[in-house]
Amino acid sequence: MAKTRRDTAKQTLRRLMRDGAADLARHLHGVMTSDDPAGPHKARVTLRRLRVVLAVFKPLIARKLYARQQSTLRATFRLLGTLRDADVLALALNTPELHAAAATTRAQVRATLTPPHLHRFKGHAWARRHTRKTRNAPDLRLAAAAFDRVWQALQSGSPDLIHLPPEPRHELRKSLKTLRYLGDAFAPFAPDALKALQEDLGTLNDHATARSHGLPAPDDAPFLATAQTHWTTLRASPPWWPTP
């Protein structure tokens, strides 16, 4: 659905949560009925997107409801993460033992998985008190504020990616995902460096995962150099998201 500046925050919250819930139901059905490793990954991406949407509209949502929704989505994300990790390892090493382990994990996840209940945000009971004016204001006000928060956090990080320790580098990758998902909902024309840097950091994360299992991995140096180029370019990019 094409977005317009006439959309209110309340309308956009309802639309994004409705569409996200439909996507999640479809992907979870795939997890339950298919062994395709893409299923858990797609479901986890949708869960991340839903959590980002909730975070954008957090100022409007009753505190207890917000905490409950985020907790439910987080628990499902972590559960599917066990299956995603098992699938990735089995595909990377392609041994009978790892494929068997992934099949066992899949059965356990299916036995445990309960689709998270997502609030429809109908009526007024979901809303935080004294937010009526903001609920009926253009949605881009809250979206722009969310973009600004993530962008400022990224800009405050180290410009030197090559010598950044793995843990802060992982946090950077998560922030980039948040920025990307914000863009998908509100500003799809993101700099090419954003997607490229995500891919760079994903490759480096794969190397780290392989090493954690005692497996050989390529030298990180050339990948870090490429990531540094994309990081420098992204940091110098002007804001591309719409502002009210």
C-alpha atoms as a PDB file:
ATOM      1  CA  MET A   1       0.000   0.000   0.000  1.00  0.00           C
ATOM      2  CA  ALA A   2       1.412   3.378  -0.966  1.00  0.00           C
ATOM      3  CA  LYS A   3       2.071   5.702   1.924  1.00  0.00           C
ATOM      4  CA  THR A   4       0.928   9.293   2.031  1.00  0.00           C
ATOM      5  CA  ARG A   5       1.545  12.128   4.424  1.00  0.00           C
ATOM      6  CA  ARG A   6      -2.156  12.032   5.274  1.00  0.00           C
ATOM      7  CA  ASP A   7      -1.751   8.774   7.171  1.00  0.00           C
ATOM      8  CA  THR A   8      -2.042   9.290  10.895  1.00  0.00           C
ATOM      9  CA  ALA A   9       0.198   7.504  13.363  1.00  0.00           C
ATOM     10  CA  LYS A  10      -2.765   5.420  14.525  1.00  0.00           C
ATOM     11  CA  GLN A  11      -3.694   4.358  10.991  1.00  0.00           C
ATOM     12  CA  THR A  12      -0.145   3.415  10.074  1.00  0.00           C
ATOM     13  CA  LEU A  13       0.411   1.451  13.276  1.00  0.00           C
ATOM     14  CA  ARG A  14      -2.705  -0.601  12.583  1.00  0.00           C
ATOM     15  CA  ARG A  15      -1.784  -1.185   8.950  1.00  0.00           C
ATOM     16  CA  LEU A  16       1.819  -2.208   9.593  1.00  0.00           C
ATOM     17  CA  MET A  17       0.876  -4.540  12.431  1.00  0.00           C
ATOM     18  CA  ARG A  18      -1.946  -6.086  10.393  1.00  0.00           C
ATOM     19  CA  ASP A  19       0.282  -6.674   7.379  1.00  0.00           C
ATOM     20  CA  GLY A  20       3.130  -7.938   9.548  1.00  0.00           C
ATOM     21  CA  ALA A  21       0.835 -10.360  11.360  1.00  0.00           C
ATOM     22  CA  ALA A  22      -0.325 -11.779   8.020  1.00  0.00           C
ATOM     23  CA  ASP A  23       3.281 -12.216   6.859  1.00  0.00           C
ATOM     24  CA  LEU A  24       4.252 -13.853  10.138  1.00  0.00           C
ATOM     25  CA  ALA A  25       1.341 -16.304  10.019  1.00  0.00           C
ATOM     26  CA  ARG A  26       2.368 -17.344   6.505  1.00  0.00           C
ATOM     27  CA  HIS A  27       6.011 -17.867   7.442  1.00  0.00           C
ATOM     28  CA  LEU A  28       5.185 -19.747  10.645  1.00  0.00           C
ATOM     29  CA  HIS A  29       2.928 -22.031   8.634  1.00  0.00           C
ATOM     30  CA  GLY A  30       5.956 -22.712   6.449  1.00  0.00           C
ATOM     31  CA  VAL A  31       8.052 -23.566   9.505  1.00  0.00           C
ATOM     32  CA  MET A  32       5.414 -26.054  10.658  1.00  0.00           C
ATOM     33  CA  THR A  33       4.867 -27.721   7.289  1.00  0.00           C
ATOM     34  CA  SER A  34       8.152 -27.482   5.401  1.00  0.00           C
ATOM     35  CA  ASP A  35      11.801 -28.277   6.054  1.00  0.00           C
ATOM     36  CA  ASP A  36      12.928 -25.362   3.896  1.00  0.00           C
ATOM     37  CA  PRO A  37      15.609 -23.485   5.897  1.00  0.00           C
ATOM     38  CA  ALA A  38      14.307 -20.217   4.459  1.00  0.00           C
ATOM     39  CA  GLY A  39      11.178 -20.515   6.597  1.00  0.00           C
ATOM     40  CA  PRO A  40      12.701 -19.779  10.011  1.00  0.00           C
ATOM     41  CA  HIS A  41      14.817 -16.995   8.531  1.00  0.00           C
ATOM     42  CA  LYS A  42      11.833 -15.261   6.926  1.00  0.00           C
ATOM     43  CA  ALA A  43       9.808 -15.602  10.101  1.00  0.00           C
ATOM     44  CA  ARG A  44      12.617 -14.054  12.145  1.00  0.00           C
ATOM     45  CA  VAL A  45      12.938 -11.137   9.713  1.00  0.00           C
ATOM     46  CA  THR A  46       9.206 -10.494  10.044  1.00  0.00           C
ATOM     47  CA  LEU A  47       9.462 -10.648  13.827  1.00  0.00           C
ATOM     48  CA  ARG A  48      12.258  -8.074  13.733  1.00  0.00           C
ATOM     49  CA  ARG A  49      10.164  -5.820  11.516  1.00  0.00           C
ATOM     50  CA  LEU A  50       7.217  -6.059  13.895  1.00  0.00           C
ATOM     51  CA  ARG A  51       9.430  -5.174  16.844  1.00  0.00           C
ATOM     52  CA  VAL A  52      10.757  -2.151  14.975  1.00  0.00           C
ATOM     53  CA  VAL A  53       7.193  -1.028  14.194  1.00  0.00           C
ATOM     54  CA  LEU A  54       6.246  -1.303  17.848  1.00  0.00           C
ATOM     55  CA  ALA A  55       9.341   0.673  18.850  1.00  0.00           C
ATOM     56  CA  VAL A  56       8.439   3.495  16.439  1.00  0.00           C
ATOM     57  CA  PHE A  57       4.981   3.816  17.952  1.00  0.00           C
ATOM     58  CA  LYS A  58       5.985   3.103  21.546  1.00  0.00           C
ATOM     59  CA  PRO A  59       5.029   6.638  22.715  1.00  0.00           C
ATOM     60  CA  LEU A  60       1.413   5.830  21.808  1.00  0.00           C
ATOM     61  CA  ILE A  61       1.070   2.330  23.231  1.00  0.00           C
ATOM     62  CA  ALA A  62       0.062   1.523  26.808  1.00  0.00           C
ATOM     63  CA  ARG A  63       3.213   0.510  28.670  1.00  0.00           C
ATOM     64  CA  LYS A  64       2.036  -2.929  29.807  1.00  0.00           C
ATOM     65  CA  LEU A  65       0.741  -3.820  26.352  1.00  0.00           C
ATOM     66  CA  TYR A  66       3.969  -2.659  24.727  1.00  0.00           C
ATOM     67  CA  ALA A  67       6.097  -4.746  27.101  1.00  0.00           C
ATOM     68  CA  ARG A  68       3.877  -7.798  26.599  1.00  0.00           C
ATOM     69  CA  GLN A  69       3.973  -7.554  22.801  1.00  0.00           C
ATOM     70  CA  GLN A  70       7.740  -7.099  22.674  1.00  0.00           C
ATOM     71  CA  SER A  71       8.309  -9.971  25.102  1.00  0.00           C
ATOM     72  CA  THR A  72       6.125 -12.314  23.052  1.00  0.00           C
ATOM     73  CA  LEU A  73       7.855 -11.429  19.793  1.00  0.00           C
ATOM     74  CA  ARG A  74      11.300 -11.727  21.388  1.00  0.00           C
ATOM     75  CA  ALA A  75      10.549 -15.205  22.763  1.00  0.00           C
ATOM     76  CA  THR A  76       9.377 -16.460  19.363  1.00  0.00           C
ATOM     77  CA  PHE A  77      12.422 -14.905  17.695  1.00  0.00           C
ATOM     78  CA  ARG A  78      14.783 -16.705  20.065  1.00  0.00           C
ATOM     79  CA  LEU A  79      13.004 -20.025  19.665  1.00  0.00           C
ATOM     80  CA  LEU A  80      13.254 -19.843  15.889  1.00  0.00           C
ATOM     81  CA  GLY A  81      16.881 -18.790  16.271  1.00  0.00           C
ATOM     82  CA  THR A  82      17.785 -22.252  17.565  1.00  0.00           C
ATOM     83  CA  LEU A  83      16.399 -23.779  14.367  1.00  0.00           C
ATOM     84  CA  ARG A  84      17.991 -21.149  12.154  1.00  0.00           C
ATOM     85  CA  ASP A  85      21.421 -21.783  13.697  1.00  0.00           C
ATOM     86  CA  ALA A  86      21.065 -25.550  13.313  1.00  0.00           C
ATOM     87  CA  ASP A  87      20.035 -25.196   9.665  1.00  0.00           C
ATOM     88  CA  VAL A  88      22.898 -22.823   8.840  1.00  0.00           C
ATOM     89  CA  LEU A  89      25.460 -25.138  10.407  1.00  0.00           C
ATOM     90  CA  ALA A  90      24.061 -28.213   8.638  1.00  0.00           C
ATOM     91  CA  LEU A  91      24.088 -26.446   5.276  1.00  0.00           C
ATOM     92  CA  ALA A  92      27.605 -25.116   5.790  1.00  0.00           C
ATOM     93  CA  LEU A  93      29.212 -28.426   6.766  1.00  0.00           C
ATOM     94  CA  ASN A  94      26.765 -30.844   5.103  1.00  0.00           C
ATOM     95  CA  THR A  95      27.341 -33.810   7.407  1.00  0.00           C
ATOM     96  CA  PRO A  96      24.709 -36.454   8.251  1.00  0.00           C
ATOM     97  CA  GLU A  97      25.149 -35.762  11.956  1.00  0.00           C
ATOM     98  CA  LEU A  98      24.414 -32.046  11.612  1.00  0.00           C
ATOM     99  CA  HIS A  99      21.450 -32.628   9.325  1.00  0.00           C
ATOM    100  CA  ALA A 100      20.079 -35.071  11.893  1.00  0.00           C
ATOM    101  CA  ALA A 101      20.633 -32.523  14.654  1.00  0.00           C
ATOM    102  CA  ALA A 102      18.785 -29.884  12.620  1.00  0.00           C
ATOM    103  CA  ALA A 103      15.885 -32.298  12.097  1.00  0.00           C
ATOM    104  CA  THR A 104      15.724 -32.920  15.843  1.00  0.00           C
ATOM    105  CA  THR A 105      15.764 -29.187  16.562  1.00  0.00           C
ATOM    106  CA  ARG A 106      13.015 -28.651  13.971  1.00  0.00           C
ATOM    107  CA  ALA A 107      10.801 -31.222  15.685  1.00  0.00           C
ATOM    108  CA  GLN A 108      11.420 -29.606  19.075  1.00  0.00           C
ATOM    109  CA  VAL A 109      10.624 -26.135  17.756  1.00  0.00           C
ATOM    110  CA  ARG A 110       7.431 -27.344  16.108  1.00  0.00           C
ATOM    111  CA  ALA A 111       6.335 -28.966  19.362  1.00  0.00           C
ATOM    112  CA  THR A 112       7.004 -25.755  21.273  1.00  0.00           C
ATOM    113  CA  LEU A 113       6.041 -23.055  18.804  1.00  0.00           C
ATOM    114  CA  THR A 114       2.931 -21.059  19.586  1.00  0.00           C
ATOM    115  CA  PRO A 115       2.099 -18.210  17.194  1.00  0.00           C
ATOM    116  CA  PRO A 116       2.431 -14.970  19.170  1.00  0.00           C
ATOM    117  CA  HIS A 117      -0.785 -13.099  19.843  1.00  0.00           C
ATOM    118  CA  LEU A 118      -0.556  -9.718  18.161  1.00  0.00           C
ATOM    119  CA  HIS A 119      -2.831  -6.915  19.264  1.00  0.00           C
ATOM    120  CA  ARG A 120      -4.976  -5.398  16.511  1.00  0.00           C
ATOM    121  CA  PHE A 121      -4.846  -1.907  18.053  1.00  0.00           C
ATOM    122  CA  LYS A 122      -8.564  -1.407  17.572  1.00  0.00           C
ATOM    123  CA  GLY A 123     -10.647   0.853  19.772  1.00  0.00           C
ATOM    124  CA  HIS A 124      -8.811   2.939  22.353  1.00  0.00           C
ATOM    125  CA  ALA A 125      -7.858   0.516  25.131  1.00  0.00           C
ATOM    126  CA  TRP A 126      -4.437  -0.046  23.575  1.00  0.00           C
ATOM    127  CA  ALA A 127      -3.435   3.619  23.667  1.00  0.00           C
ATOM    128  CA  ARG A 128      -1.374   5.384  26.266  1.00  0.00           C
ATOM    129  CA  ARG A 129      -3.255   8.148  28.038  1.00  0.00           C
ATOM    130  CA  HIS A 130      -2.995  11.736  26.828  1.00  0.00           C
ATOM    131  CA  THR A 131      -1.670  10.763  23.386  1.00  0.00           C
ATOM    132  CA  ARG A 132      -4.758  11.487  21.297  1.00  0.00           C
ATOM    133  CA  LYS A 133      -3.157  14.446  19.532  1.00  0.00           C
ATOM    134  CA  THR A 134      -0.069  12.436  18.620  1.00  0.00           C
ATOM    135  CA  ARG A 135      -2.131   9.433  17.523  1.00  0.00           C
ATOM    136  CA  ASN A 136      -3.988  11.626  15.040  1.00  0.00           C
ATOM    137  CA  ALA A 137      -0.888  13.492  13.866  1.00  0.00           C
ATOM    138  CA  PRO A 138       0.968  12.503  10.661  1.00  0.00           C
ATOM    139  CA  ASP A 139       2.815   9.233  11.157  1.00  0.00           C
ATOM    140  CA  LEU A 140       6.047  10.714   9.802  1.00  0.00           C
ATOM    141  CA  ARG A 141       6.566  12.627  13.041  1.00  0.00           C
ATOM    142  CA  LEU A 142       7.160   9.437  14.979  1.00  0.00           C
ATOM    143  CA  ALA A 143       8.976   7.777  12.083  1.00  0.00           C
ATOM    144  CA  ALA A 144      11.403  10.665  11.704  1.00  0.00           C
ATOM    145  CA  ALA A 145      12.106  10.625  15.436  1.00  0.00           C
ATOM    146  CA  ALA A 146      12.865   6.896  15.263  1.00  0.00           C
ATOM    147  CA  PHE A 147      15.200   7.389  12.295  1.00  0.00           C
ATOM    148  CA  ASP A 148      16.978  10.173  14.160  1.00  0.00           C
ATOM    149  CA  ARG A 149      17.509   8.028  17.268  1.00  0.00           C
ATOM    150  CA  VAL A 150      19.021   5.118  15.351  1.00  0.00           C
ATOM    151  CA  TRP A 151      21.098   7.376  13.108  1.00  0.00           C
ATOM    152  CA  GLN A 152      22.524   9.306  16.056  1.00  0.00           C
ATOM    153  CA  ALA A 153      23.425   6.054  17.787  1.00  0.00           C
ATOM    154  CA  LEU A 154      25.216   4.877  14.649  1.00  0.00           C
ATOM    155  CA  GLN A 155      27.049   8.184  14.255  1.00  0.00           C
ATOM    156  CA  SER A 156      28.197   8.059  17.869  1.00  0.00           C
ATOM    157  CA  GLY A 157      29.896   4.714  17.251  1.00  0.00           C
ATOM    158  CA  SER A 158      33.511   4.260  16.277  1.00  0.00           C
ATOM    159  CA  PRO A 159      34.425   5.347  12.729  1.00  0.00           C
ATOM    160  CA  ASP A 160      37.162   2.686  12.789  1.00  0.00           C
ATOM    161  CA  LEU A 161      35.430  -0.552  11.872  1.00  0.00           C
ATOM    162  CA  ILE A 162      38.632  -2.482  11.182  1.00  0.00           C
ATOM    163  CA  HIS A 163      39.732  -2.448  14.821  1.00  0.00           C
ATOM    164  CA  LEU A 164      36.245  -2.635  16.334  1.00  0.00           C
ATOM    165  CA  PRO A 165      35.896  -5.698  18.616  1.00  0.00           C
ATOM    166  CA  PRO A 166      33.399  -8.399  17.549  1.00  0.00           C
ATOM    167  CA  GLU A 167      30.723  -7.569  20.122  1.00  0.00           C
ATOM    168  CA  PRO A 168      30.357  -3.865  19.236  1.00  0.00           C
ATOM    169  CA  ARG A 169      30.503  -4.886  15.584  1.00  0.00           C
ATOM    170  CA  HIS A 170      27.574  -7.224  16.174  1.00  0.00           C
ATOM    171  CA  GLU A 171      25.628  -4.406  17.863  1.00  0.00           C
ATOM    172  CA  LEU A 172      26.366  -2.215  14.851  1.00  0.00           C
ATOM    173  CA  ARG A 173      24.933  -4.887  12.584  1.00  0.00           C
ATOM    174  CA  LYS A 174      21.716  -4.987  14.630  1.00  0.00           C
ATOM    175  CA  SER A 175      21.384  -1.201  14.467  1.00  0.00           C
ATOM    176  CA  LEU A 176      21.836  -1.321  10.705  1.00  0.00           C
ATOM    177  CA  LYS A 177      19.036  -3.871  10.483  1.00  0.00           C
ATOM    178  CA  THR A 178      16.788  -1.562  12.493  1.00  0.00           C
ATOM    179  CA  LEU A 179      17.592   1.309  10.148  1.00  0.00           C
ATOM    180  CA  ARG A 180      16.910  -0.910   7.146  1.00  0.00           C
ATOM    181  CA  TYR A 181      13.532  -2.039   8.472  1.00  0.00           C
ATOM    182  CA  LEU A 182      12.575   1.537   9.278  1.00  0.00           C
ATOM    183  CA  GLY A 183      13.434   2.370   5.703  1.00  0.00           C
ATOM    184  CA  ASP A 184      11.309  -0.465   4.350  1.00  0.00           C
ATOM    185  CA  ALA A 185       8.290   0.984   6.152  1.00  0.00           C
ATOM    186  CA  PHE A 186       8.862   4.716   5.688  1.00  0.00           C
ATOM    187  CA  ALA A 187      11.785   5.536   3.349  1.00  0.00           C
ATOM    188  CA  PRO A 188      12.674   2.753   0.907  1.00  0.00           C
ATOM    189  CA  PHE A 189      15.368   4.669  -0.994  1.00  0.00           C
ATOM    190  CA  ALA A 190      18.259   4.037   1.383  1.00  0.00           C
ATOM    191  CA  PRO A 191      21.927   4.510   0.409  1.00  0.00           C
ATOM    192  CA  ASP A 192      23.510   1.519  -1.320  1.00  0.00           C
ATOM    193  CA  ALA A 193      26.186   1.541   1.379  1.00  0.00           C
ATOM    194  CA  LEU A 194      23.608   0.510   3.999  1.00  0.00           C
ATOM    195  CA  LYS A 195      22.748  -2.793   2.330  1.00  0.00           C
ATOM    196  CA  ALA A 196      26.375  -3.398   1.351  1.00  0.00           C
ATOM    197  CA  LEU A 197      27.602  -2.890   4.909  1.00  0.00           C
ATOM    198  CA  GLN A 198      24.945  -5.249   6.246  1.00  0.00           C
ATOM    199  CA  GLU A 199      26.185  -7.916   3.850  1.00  0.00           C
ATOM    200  CA  ASP A 200      29.806  -7.251   4.826  1.00  0.00           C
ATOM    201  CA  LEU A 201      29.039  -7.673   8.509  1.00  0.00           C
ATOM    202  CA  GLY A 202      26.950 -10.765   7.801  1.00  0.00           C
ATOM    203  CA  THR A 203      29.922 -12.370   6.063  1.00  0.00           C
ATOM    204  CA  LEU A 204      32.206 -11.515   8.973  1.00  0.00           C
ATOM    205  CA  ASN A 205      29.639 -12.966  11.369  1.00  0.00           C
ATOM    206  CA  ASP A 206      29.603 -16.202   9.347  1.00  0.00           C
ATOM    207  CA  HIS A 207      33.394 -16.357   9.654  1.00  0.00           C
ATOM    208  CA  ALA A 208      33.166 -15.919  13.428  1.00  0.00           C
ATOM    209  CA  THR A 209      30.504 -18.642  13.681  1.00  0.00           C
ATOM    210  CA  ALA A 210      32.672 -21.062  11.728  1.00  0.00           C
ATOM    211  CA  ARG A 211      35.657 -20.382  13.974  1.00  0.00           C
ATOM    212  CA  SER A 212      33.525 -20.856  17.088  1.00  0.00           C
ATOM    213  CA  HIS A 213      32.900 -24.414  15.874  1.00  0.00           C
ATOM    214  CA  GLY A 214      36.567 -25.017  15.249  1.00  0.00           C
ATOM    215  CA  LEU A 215      36.230 -24.675  11.488  1.00  0.00           C
ATOM    216  CA  PRO A 216      38.511 -22.807   9.071  1.00  0.00           C
ATOM    217  CA  ALA A 217      37.367 -19.434   7.753  1.00  0.00           C
ATOM    218  CA  PRO A 218      38.827 -16.905   5.310  1.00  0.00           C
ATOM    219  CA  ASP A 219      41.052 -14.080   6.503  1.00  0.00           C
ATOM    220  CA  ASP A 220      38.853 -11.217   7.718  1.00  0.00           C
ATOM    221  CA  ALA A 221      41.236  -8.456   6.584  1.00  0.00           C
ATOM    222  CA  PRO A 222      39.952  -7.907   3.018  1.00  0.00           C
ATOM    223  CA  PHE A 223      36.345  -8.151   4.163  1.00  0.00           C
ATOM    224  CA  LEU A 224      36.983  -5.634   6.929  1.00  0.00           C
ATOM    225  CA  ALA A 225      38.612  -3.261   4.453  1.00  0.00           C
ATOM    226  CA  THR A 226      35.548  -3.405   2.210  1.00  0.00           C
ATOM    227  CA  ALA A 227      33.248  -2.950   5.201  1.00  0.00           C
ATOM    228  CA  GLN A 228      35.279   0.070   6.311  1.00  0.00           C
ATOM    229  CA  THR A 229      34.779   1.701   2.903  1.00  0.00           C
ATOM    230  CA  HIS A 230      31.016   1.170   3.094  1.00  0.00           C
ATOM    231  CA  TRP A 231      30.924   2.335   6.724  1.00  0.00           C
ATOM    232  CA  THR A 232      32.761   5.559   5.883  1.00  0.00           C
ATOM    233  CA  THR A 233      30.411   6.191   2.965  1.00  0.00           C
ATOM    234  CA  LEU A 234      27.316   5.548   5.052  1.00  0.00           C
ATOM    235  CA  ARG A 235      28.458   7.803   7.899  1.00  0.00           C
ATOM    236  CA  ALA A 236      28.916  10.641   5.406  1.00  0.00           C
ATOM    237  CA  SER A 237      25.464  10.168   3.879  1.00  0.00           C
ATOM    238  CA  PRO A 238      22.877  12.881   4.573  1.00  0.00           C
ATOM    239  CA  PRO A 239      19.588  11.738   6.107  1.00  0.00           C
ATOM    240  CA  TRP A 240      17.403  10.207   3.397  1.00  0.00           C
ATOM    241  CA  TRP A 241      14.198   9.712   5.390  1.00  0.00           C
ATOM    242  CA  PRO A 242      11.230  12.094   5.126  1.00  0.00           C
ATOM    243  CA  THR A 243      10.648  14.635   7.858  1.00  0.00           C
ATOM    244  CA  PRO A 244       7.354  16.311   8.759  1.00  0.00           C
END
